[in-house]
Amino acid sequence: MNDLKVIEYRNIRVLTTQQLAEAYGANADTVTKNFNRNKDRYMEGKHFICLKGDDLKAFRANGQIDLLPNLNTLYLWTEKGAFLHAKSLNTDKAWEVYDHLVDTYFEAKKPLTQLEILQQSVEVLNRHEREIQQIDTRMDKLEFDIPLYGSEADELSNHVKRKGVQVLGGKQSEAYQDTEIRSKVYRDIYDQIKREFGIYDDTGRPKSYKALKRKYIADAHELIDCYEAPTYLMELIEVANAQMNLGVA
């Protein structure tokens, strides 16, 4: 009886008919006959679980307990079922098993002290806090992996315009007034942003700068600040602005 072990089945603590029979020092048939006589008193799920077919194969494969190879039906006794079964046998040995179950395996929980309640509450709060932090971290990561918000896209566009005006020599410059040169400068700035941050679709075609991921906002603004027009554009700008200066002279 001291070897009687409670096992787990679908998060329920149970014993098998075979275990109880061995604990009673009785034949398993005796336990089964007692069960059949009192079956109406045992509500399945609350007092016992009947395993057959695939359920029994799965339980046997789990290897929690040795079962007879020719066994085709197995009853698992829940806590209440084991108590009721021992009472229904009403033998000295059965009552010994009953006391053993109560004292060793299914001992009623003692009321928690205020300190234990507080400790459990703190553990629950800490667990919830960790879960919330994990959710916040995932949300932050997700938020920064999405494209720019509308206001952020506008801010980036305005930054490109300001940089373009600077590179072209001001809004009054001949280079700025030349729409072809101006568009080439702006397009080159946007192209550098797209190359730097991989703003392309699956076919390799460039997408709108608005598809820039939010996590790259600061880097994109820094790139714009550091932008320098390539040599061929600088030559176009210098020639255009030189013509303006000659005209003024």
C-alpha atoms as a PDB file:
ATOM      1  CA  MET A   1       0.000   0.000   0.000  1.00  0.00           C
ATOM      2  CA  ASN A   2       2.909   2.348   0.646  1.00  0.00           C
ATOM      3  CA  ASP A   3       3.819   1.973  -3.043  1.00  0.00           C
ATOM      4  CA  LEU A   4       0.425   3.346  -4.099  1.00  0.00           C
ATOM      5  CA  LYS A   5       1.135   6.233  -6.449  1.00  0.00           C
ATOM      6  CA  VAL A   6      -1.198   8.883  -7.754  1.00  0.00           C
ATOM      7  CA  ILE A   7      -0.713   9.569 -11.483  1.00  0.00           C
ATOM      8  CA  GLU A   8      -1.784  12.376 -13.792  1.00  0.00           C
ATOM      9  CA  TYR A   9      -4.319  12.095 -16.583  1.00  0.00           C
ATOM     10  CA  ARG A  10      -5.333  15.293 -18.370  1.00  0.00           C
ATOM     11  CA  ASN A  11      -4.436  17.346 -15.298  1.00  0.00           C
ATOM     12  CA  ILE A  12      -6.534  15.096 -13.029  1.00  0.00           C
ATOM     13  CA  ARG A  13      -4.974  13.104 -10.193  1.00  0.00           C
ATOM     14  CA  VAL A  14      -6.121   9.497 -10.587  1.00  0.00           C
ATOM     15  CA  LEU A  15      -5.509   5.879  -9.534  1.00  0.00           C
ATOM     16  CA  THR A  16      -6.210   2.750 -11.576  1.00  0.00           C
ATOM     17  CA  THR A  17      -8.406  -0.200 -10.615  1.00  0.00           C
ATOM     18  CA  GLN A  18      -5.291  -2.353 -10.756  1.00  0.00           C
ATOM     19  CA  GLN A  19      -3.545  -0.106  -8.228  1.00  0.00           C
ATOM     20  CA  LEU A  20      -6.479  -0.174  -5.812  1.00  0.00           C
ATOM     21  CA  ALA A  21      -6.768  -3.938  -6.077  1.00  0.00           C
ATOM     22  CA  GLU A  22      -3.100  -4.354  -5.220  1.00  0.00           C
ATOM     23  CA  ALA A  23      -3.462  -1.910  -2.310  1.00  0.00           C
ATOM     24  CA  TYR A  24      -6.478  -3.837  -0.978  1.00  0.00           C
ATOM     25  CA  GLY A  25      -4.595  -7.104  -1.378  1.00  0.00           C
ATOM     26  CA  ALA A  26      -7.563  -8.243  -3.467  1.00  0.00           C
ATOM     27  CA  ASN A  27      -8.106  -9.584  -6.961  1.00  0.00           C
ATOM     28  CA  ALA A  28      -8.784  -6.930  -9.577  1.00  0.00           C
ATOM     29  CA  ASP A  29     -12.006  -8.799 -10.453  1.00  0.00           C
ATOM     30  CA  THR A  30     -13.274  -8.145  -6.933  1.00  0.00           C
ATOM     31  CA  VAL A  31     -12.758  -4.426  -7.378  1.00  0.00           C
ATOM     32  CA  THR A  32     -14.362  -4.536 -10.830  1.00  0.00           C
ATOM     33  CA  LYS A  33     -17.427  -6.400  -9.512  1.00  0.00           C
ATOM     34  CA  ASN A  34     -17.813  -3.859  -6.752  1.00  0.00           C
ATOM     35  CA  PHE A  35     -17.625  -1.128  -9.377  1.00  0.00           C
ATOM     36  CA  ASN A  36     -20.292  -2.794 -11.532  1.00  0.00           C
ATOM     37  CA  ARG A  37     -22.632  -3.123  -8.544  1.00  0.00           C
ATOM     38  CA  ASN A  38     -22.252   0.530  -7.655  1.00  0.00           C
ATOM     39  CA  LYS A  39     -21.802   1.955 -11.120  1.00  0.00           C
ATOM     40  CA  ASP A  40     -24.919   4.078 -10.902  1.00  0.00           C
ATOM     41  CA  ARG A  41     -23.452   5.791  -7.855  1.00  0.00           C
ATOM     42  CA  TYR A  42     -20.262   6.663  -9.725  1.00  0.00           C
ATOM     43  CA  MET A  43     -20.731   9.520 -12.154  1.00  0.00           C
ATOM     44  CA  GLU A  44     -18.193   9.301 -14.973  1.00  0.00           C
ATOM     45  CA  GLY A  45     -15.758  12.216 -15.026  1.00  0.00           C
ATOM     46  CA  LYS A  46     -16.397  13.106 -11.427  1.00  0.00           C
ATOM     47  CA  HIS A  47     -15.609   9.747  -9.847  1.00  0.00           C
ATOM     48  CA  PHE A  48     -14.069   7.705 -12.629  1.00  0.00           C
ATOM     49  CA  ILE A  49     -12.840   7.835 -16.235  1.00  0.00           C
ATOM     50  CA  CYS A  50     -13.241   4.841 -18.540  1.00  0.00           C
ATOM     51  CA  LEU A  51     -10.438   4.327 -21.091  1.00  0.00           C
ATOM     52  CA  LYS A  52     -10.823   2.136 -24.150  1.00  0.00           C
ATOM     53  CA  GLY A  53      -9.359   1.867 -27.636  1.00  0.00           C
ATOM     54  CA  ASP A  54      -7.137   4.744 -28.690  1.00  0.00           C
ATOM     55  CA  ASP A  55      -7.451   6.496 -25.330  1.00  0.00           C
ATOM     56  CA  LEU A  56      -6.173   3.395 -23.570  1.00  0.00           C
ATOM     57  CA  LYS A  57      -3.353   2.976 -26.112  1.00  0.00           C
ATOM     58  CA  ALA A  58      -2.281   6.579 -25.577  1.00  0.00           C
ATOM     59  CA  PHE A  59      -2.392   6.157 -21.809  1.00  0.00           C
ATOM     60  CA  ARG A  60      -0.400   2.910 -21.993  1.00  0.00           C
ATOM     61  CA  ALA A  61       2.140   4.489 -24.381  1.00  0.00           C
ATOM     62  CA  ASN A  62       2.689   7.303 -21.912  1.00  0.00           C
ATOM     63  CA  GLY A  63       4.391   4.761 -19.682  1.00  0.00           C
ATOM     64  CA  GLN A  64       3.110   6.143 -16.395  1.00  0.00           C
ATOM     65  CA  ILE A  65       2.219   2.713 -15.052  1.00  0.00           C
ATOM     66  CA  ASP A  66       2.636  -0.939 -16.068  1.00  0.00           C
ATOM     67  CA  LEU A  67      -0.606  -2.333 -17.486  1.00  0.00           C
ATOM     68  CA  LEU A  68      -1.608  -5.893 -18.323  1.00  0.00           C
ATOM     69  CA  PRO A  69      -0.936  -6.527 -22.045  1.00  0.00           C
ATOM     70  CA  ASN A  70      -4.412  -8.018 -22.605  1.00  0.00           C
ATOM     71  CA  LEU A  71      -6.212  -5.183 -20.830  1.00  0.00           C
ATOM     72  CA  ASN A  72      -8.896  -3.635 -23.077  1.00  0.00           C
ATOM     73  CA  THR A  73     -10.732  -1.454 -20.565  1.00  0.00           C
ATOM     74  CA  LEU A  74      -9.254   0.639 -17.789  1.00  0.00           C
ATOM     75  CA  TYR A  75     -11.012   2.643 -15.100  1.00  0.00           C
ATOM     76  CA  LEU A  76      -9.232   5.616 -13.646  1.00  0.00           C
ATOM     77  CA  TRP A  77     -10.470   6.594 -10.215  1.00  0.00           C
ATOM     78  CA  THR A  78     -10.520  10.259  -9.317  1.00  0.00           C
ATOM     79  CA  GLU A  79      -9.993  11.505  -5.780  1.00  0.00           C
ATOM     80  CA  LYS A  80     -13.706  11.325  -4.968  1.00  0.00           C
ATOM     81  CA  GLY A  81     -14.029   8.007  -6.763  1.00  0.00           C
ATOM     82  CA  ALA A  82     -11.200   6.419  -4.788  1.00  0.00           C
ATOM     83  CA  PHE A  83     -12.722   7.590  -1.505  1.00  0.00           C
ATOM     84  CA  LEU A  84     -16.205   6.351  -2.440  1.00  0.00           C
ATOM     85  CA  HIS A  85     -14.851   3.018  -3.637  1.00  0.00           C
ATOM     86  CA  ALA A  86     -13.001   2.367  -0.396  1.00  0.00           C
ATOM     87  CA  LYS A  87     -16.109   3.242   1.626  1.00  0.00           C
ATOM     88  CA  SER A  88     -18.317   0.954  -0.454  1.00  0.00           C
ATOM     89  CA  LEU A  89     -16.031  -2.040   0.163  1.00  0.00           C
ATOM     90  CA  ASN A  90     -16.230  -1.335   3.892  1.00  0.00           C
ATOM     91  CA  THR A  91     -13.371  -3.661   4.854  1.00  0.00           C
ATOM     92  CA  ASP A  92     -10.538  -3.006   7.282  1.00  0.00           C
ATOM     93  CA  LYS A  93      -8.022  -3.046   4.438  1.00  0.00           C
ATOM     94  CA  ALA A  94     -10.123  -0.676   2.347  1.00  0.00           C
ATOM     95  CA  TRP A  95     -10.375   1.759   5.239  1.00  0.00           C
ATOM     96  CA  GLU A  96      -6.608   1.588   5.671  1.00  0.00           C
ATOM     97  CA  VAL A  97      -6.236   2.527   2.004  1.00  0.00           C
ATOM     98  CA  TYR A  98      -8.765   5.325   2.494  1.00  0.00           C
ATOM     99  CA  ASP A  99      -6.802   6.747   5.435  1.00  0.00           C
ATOM    100  CA  HIS A 100      -3.577   6.383   3.503  1.00  0.00           C
ATOM    101  CA  LEU A 101      -4.998   8.346   0.564  1.00  0.00           C
ATOM    102  CA  VAL A 102      -6.271  11.097   2.812  1.00  0.00           C
ATOM    103  CA  ASP A 103      -3.058  11.409   4.797  1.00  0.00           C
ATOM    104  CA  THR A 104      -0.564  10.964   1.968  1.00  0.00           C
ATOM    105  CA  TYR A 105      -1.965  11.910  -1.411  1.00  0.00           C
ATOM    106  CA  PHE A 106      -5.271  13.730  -1.205  1.00  0.00           C
ATOM    107  CA  GLU A 107      -4.704  15.610   2.023  1.00  0.00           C
ATOM    108  CA  ALA A 108      -7.082  18.517   2.322  1.00  0.00           C
ATOM    109  CA  LYS A 109      -5.379  21.868   1.911  1.00  0.00           C
ATOM    110  CA  LYS A 110      -4.927  23.794   5.079  1.00  0.00           C
ATOM    111  CA  PRO A 111      -6.178  27.392   5.093  1.00  0.00           C
ATOM    112  CA  LEU A 112      -3.472  29.731   3.876  1.00  0.00           C
ATOM    113  CA  THR A 113      -1.919  32.122   6.331  1.00  0.00           C
ATOM    114  CA  GLN A 114      -1.999  35.853   5.610  1.00  0.00           C
ATOM    115  CA  LEU A 115       1.707  35.695   4.760  1.00  0.00           C
ATOM    116  CA  GLU A 116       1.154  32.851   2.276  1.00  0.00           C
ATOM    117  CA  ILE A 117      -1.747  34.733   0.679  1.00  0.00           C
ATOM    118  CA  LEU A 118       0.447  37.828   0.392  1.00  0.00           C
ATOM    119  CA  GLN A 119       3.301  35.806  -1.101  1.00  0.00           C
ATOM    120  CA  GLN A 120       0.980  34.226  -3.664  1.00  0.00           C
ATOM    121  CA  SER A 121      -0.464  37.650  -4.530  1.00  0.00           C
ATOM    122  CA  VAL A 122       3.028  39.070  -5.043  1.00  0.00           C
ATOM    123  CA  GLU A 123       3.964  36.108  -7.256  1.00  0.00           C
ATOM    124  CA  VAL A 124       0.832  36.601  -9.365  1.00  0.00           C
ATOM    125  CA  LEU A 125       1.486  40.343  -9.693  1.00  0.00           C
ATOM    126  CA  ASN A 126       5.119  39.741 -10.640  1.00  0.00           C
ATOM    127  CA  ARG A 127       4.097  37.168 -13.222  1.00  0.00           C
ATOM    128  CA  HIS A 128       1.531  39.545 -14.697  1.00  0.00           C
ATOM    129  CA  GLU A 129       4.100  42.341 -14.778  1.00  0.00           C
ATOM    130  CA  ARG A 130       6.556  40.114 -16.643  1.00  0.00           C
ATOM    131  CA  GLU A 131       3.845  39.115 -19.106  1.00  0.00           C
ATOM    132  CA  ILE A 132       2.899  42.756 -19.663  1.00  0.00           C
ATOM    133  CA  GLN A 133       6.544  43.690 -20.218  1.00  0.00           C
ATOM    134  CA  GLN A 134       6.897  40.879 -22.744  1.00  0.00           C
ATOM    135  CA  ILE A 135       3.763  42.061 -24.535  1.00  0.00           C
ATOM    136  CA  ASP A 136       5.026  45.675 -24.517  1.00  0.00           C
ATOM    137  CA  THR A 137       8.355  44.537 -25.935  1.00  0.00           C
ATOM    138  CA  ARG A 138       6.650  42.598 -28.720  1.00  0.00           C
ATOM    139  CA  MET A 139       4.346  45.543 -29.446  1.00  0.00           C
ATOM    140  CA  ASP A 140       7.278  47.971 -29.555  1.00  0.00           C
ATOM    141  CA  LYS A 141       9.144  45.698 -31.926  1.00  0.00           C
ATOM    142  CA  LEU A 142       6.067  45.284 -34.093  1.00  0.00           C
ATOM    143  CA  GLU A 143       5.415  49.034 -34.085  1.00  0.00           C
ATOM    144  CA  PHE A 144       8.943  49.843 -35.268  1.00  0.00           C
ATOM    145  CA  ASP A 145       8.761  47.210 -38.013  1.00  0.00           C
ATOM    146  CA  ILE A 146       5.791  48.907 -39.689  1.00  0.00           C
ATOM    147  CA  PRO A 147       6.044  51.693 -42.325  1.00  0.00           C
ATOM    148  CA  LEU A 148       6.149  55.374 -41.454  1.00  0.00           C
ATOM    149  CA  TYR A 149       3.135  57.130 -40.040  1.00  0.00           C
ATOM    150  CA  GLY A 150       1.728  59.912 -42.195  1.00  0.00           C
ATOM    151  CA  SER A 151       3.246  62.701 -40.097  1.00  0.00           C
ATOM    152  CA  GLU A 152       6.637  60.944 -40.118  1.00  0.00           C
ATOM    153  CA  ALA A 153       6.554  60.583 -43.898  1.00  0.00           C
ATOM    154  CA  ASP A 154       5.724  64.304 -44.229  1.00  0.00           C
ATOM    155  CA  GLU A 155       8.596  65.203 -41.911  1.00  0.00           C
ATOM    156  CA  LEU A 156      11.026  63.104 -43.954  1.00  0.00           C
ATOM    157  CA  SER A 157       9.782  64.662 -47.213  1.00  0.00           C
ATOM    158  CA  ASN A 158      10.203  68.178 -45.821  1.00  0.00           C
ATOM    159  CA  HIS A 159      13.724  67.321 -44.717  1.00  0.00           C
ATOM    160  CA  VAL A 160      14.546  66.159 -48.259  1.00  0.00           C
ATOM    161  CA  LYS A 161      13.163  69.427 -49.670  1.00  0.00           C
ATOM    162  CA  ARG A 162      15.237  71.528 -47.269  1.00  0.00           C
ATOM    163  CA  LYS A 163      18.361  69.578 -48.120  1.00  0.00           C
ATOM    164  CA  GLY A 164      17.648  69.915 -51.836  1.00  0.00           C
ATOM    165  CA  VAL A 165      17.274  73.690 -51.535  1.00  0.00           C
ATOM    166  CA  GLN A 166      20.594  73.838 -49.713  1.00  0.00           C
ATOM    167  CA  VAL A 167      22.410  71.694 -52.287  1.00  0.00           C
ATOM    168  CA  LEU A 168      20.944  73.696 -55.198  1.00  0.00           C
ATOM    169  CA  GLY A 169      22.074  76.980 -53.703  1.00  0.00           C
ATOM    170  CA  GLY A 170      18.800  78.370 -52.414  1.00  0.00           C
ATOM    171  CA  LYS A 171      15.333  78.856 -53.894  1.00  0.00           C
ATOM    172  CA  GLN A 172      16.444  81.912 -55.861  1.00  0.00           C
ATOM    173  CA  SER A 173      19.270  80.032 -57.559  1.00  0.00           C
ATOM    174  CA  GLU A 174      19.221  79.201 -61.252  1.00  0.00           C
ATOM    175  CA  ALA A 175      19.767  75.531 -60.417  1.00  0.00           C
ATOM    176  CA  TYR A 176      16.686  75.486 -58.176  1.00  0.00           C
ATOM    177  CA  GLN A 177      14.577  77.261 -60.811  1.00  0.00           C
ATOM    178  CA  ASP A 178      15.608  74.612 -63.341  1.00  0.00           C
ATOM    179  CA  THR A 179      12.930  71.962 -62.726  1.00  0.00           C
ATOM    180  CA  GLU A 180      14.998  69.237 -64.384  1.00  0.00           C
ATOM    181  CA  ILE A 181      18.032  69.787 -62.178  1.00  0.00           C
ATOM    182  CA  ARG A 182      15.872  70.198 -59.078  1.00  0.00           C
ATOM    183  CA  SER A 183      13.989  66.946 -59.712  1.00  0.00           C
ATOM    184  CA  LYS A 184      17.262  65.089 -60.299  1.00  0.00           C
ATOM    185  CA  VAL A 185      18.603  66.228 -56.926  1.00  0.00           C
ATOM    186  CA  TYR A 186      15.447  65.226 -55.057  1.00  0.00           C
ATOM    187  CA  ARG A 187      15.262  61.911 -56.869  1.00  0.00           C
ATOM    188  CA  ASP A 188      18.898  61.164 -56.031  1.00  0.00           C
ATOM    189  CA  ILE A 189      18.305  61.838 -52.315  1.00  0.00           C
ATOM    190  CA  TYR A 190      15.291  59.515 -52.282  1.00  0.00           C
ATOM    191  CA  ASP A 191      17.217  56.882 -54.248  1.00  0.00           C
ATOM    192  CA  GLN A 192      19.985  56.932 -51.654  1.00  0.00           C
ATOM    193  CA  ILE A 193      17.427  56.428 -48.875  1.00  0.00           C
ATOM    194  CA  LYS A 194      15.891  53.476 -50.729  1.00  0.00           C
ATOM    195  CA  ARG A 195      19.294  51.876 -51.385  1.00  0.00           C
ATOM    196  CA  GLU A 196      20.472  52.380 -47.826  1.00  0.00           C
ATOM    197  CA  PHE A 197      17.362  50.892 -46.200  1.00  0.00           C
ATOM    198  CA  GLY A 198      16.320  48.384 -48.853  1.00  0.00           C
ATOM    199  CA  ILE A 199      12.982  49.917 -49.778  1.00  0.00           C
ATOM    200  CA  TYR A 200      12.187  47.513 -52.630  1.00  0.00           C
ATOM    201  CA  ASP A 201       9.396  45.067 -53.395  1.00  0.00           C
ATOM    202  CA  ASP A 202       9.855  41.331 -53.957  1.00  0.00           C
ATOM    203  CA  THR A 203      10.707  41.893 -57.625  1.00  0.00           C
ATOM    204  CA  GLY A 204      13.445  44.391 -56.786  1.00  0.00           C
ATOM    205  CA  ARG A 205      11.529  47.454 -57.866  1.00  0.00           C
ATOM    206  CA  PRO A 206      11.887  50.503 -55.590  1.00  0.00           C
ATOM    207  CA  LYS A 207       8.889  51.403 -53.450  1.00  0.00           C
ATOM    208  CA  SER A 208       7.818  54.753 -52.084  1.00  0.00           C
ATOM    209  CA  TYR A 209      10.016  56.259 -49.380  1.00  0.00           C
ATOM    210  CA  LYS A 210       6.899  56.010 -47.196  1.00  0.00           C
ATOM    211  CA  ALA A 211       7.562  52.260 -46.937  1.00  0.00           C
ATOM    212  CA  LEU A 212      10.627  52.999 -44.797  1.00  0.00           C
ATOM    213  CA  LYS A 213      10.370  51.111 -41.488  1.00  0.00           C
ATOM    214  CA  ARG A 214       9.875  53.316 -38.473  1.00  0.00           C
ATOM    215  CA  LYS A 215      12.950  51.915 -36.737  1.00  0.00           C
ATOM    216  CA  TYR A 216      15.102  53.621 -39.395  1.00  0.00           C
ATOM    217  CA  ILE A 217      13.641  57.129 -39.013  1.00  0.00           C
ATOM    218  CA  ALA A 218      16.594  58.630 -37.132  1.00  0.00           C
ATOM    219  CA  ASP A 219      19.124  56.991 -39.477  1.00  0.00           C
ATOM    220  CA  ALA A 220      17.238  58.272 -42.528  1.00  0.00           C
ATOM    221  CA  HIS A 221      17.297  61.850 -41.232  1.00  0.00           C
ATOM    222  CA  GLU A 222      21.007  61.517 -40.509  1.00  0.00           C
ATOM    223  CA  LEU A 223      21.596  60.260 -44.058  1.00  0.00           C
ATOM    224  CA  ILE A 224      19.767  63.300 -45.434  1.00  0.00           C
ATOM    225  CA  ASP A 225      21.844  65.633 -43.285  1.00  0.00           C
ATOM    226  CA  CYS A 226      25.041  64.061 -44.629  1.00  0.00           C
ATOM    227  CA  TYR A 227      23.885  63.908 -48.256  1.00  0.00           C
ATOM    228  CA  GLU A 228      26.288  65.129 -50.923  1.00  0.00           C
ATOM    229  CA  ALA A 229      25.262  65.331 -54.548  1.00  0.00           C
ATOM    230  CA  PRO A 230      27.286  63.164 -56.937  1.00  0.00           C
ATOM    231  CA  THR A 231      29.840  64.851 -59.190  1.00  0.00           C
ATOM    232  CA  TYR A 232      27.655  65.003 -62.315  1.00  0.00           C
ATOM    233  CA  LEU A 233      24.871  66.764 -60.402  1.00  0.00           C
ATOM    234  CA  MET A 234      27.286  69.200 -58.775  1.00  0.00           C
ATOM    235  CA  GLU A 235      28.601  70.110 -62.213  1.00  0.00           C
ATOM    236  CA  LEU A 236      25.056  70.785 -63.462  1.00  0.00           C
ATOM    237  CA  ILE A 237      24.328  72.920 -60.390  1.00  0.00           C
ATOM    238  CA  GLU A 238      27.570  74.878 -60.654  1.00  0.00           C
ATOM    239  CA  VAL A 239      27.107  75.571 -64.368  1.00  0.00           C
ATOM    240  CA  ALA A 240      23.519  76.735 -63.876  1.00  0.00           C
ATOM    241  CA  ASN A 241      24.366  78.992 -60.965  1.00  0.00           C
ATOM    242  CA  ALA A 242      27.431  80.347 -62.767  1.00  0.00           C
ATOM    243  CA  GLN A 243      25.190  81.452 -65.625  1.00  0.00           C
ATOM    244  CA  MET A 244      23.007  83.276 -63.128  1.00  0.00           C
ATOM    245  CA  ASN A 245      26.017  85.053 -61.696  1.00  0.00           C
ATOM    246  CA  LEU A 246      27.159  86.072 -65.156  1.00  0.00           C
ATOM    247  CA  GLY A 247      23.720  87.460 -65.904  1.00  0.00           C
ATOM    248  CA  VAL A 248      23.761  89.547 -62.734  1.00  0.00           C
ATOM    249  CA  ALA A 249      27.192  90.922 -63.553  1.00  0.00           C
END
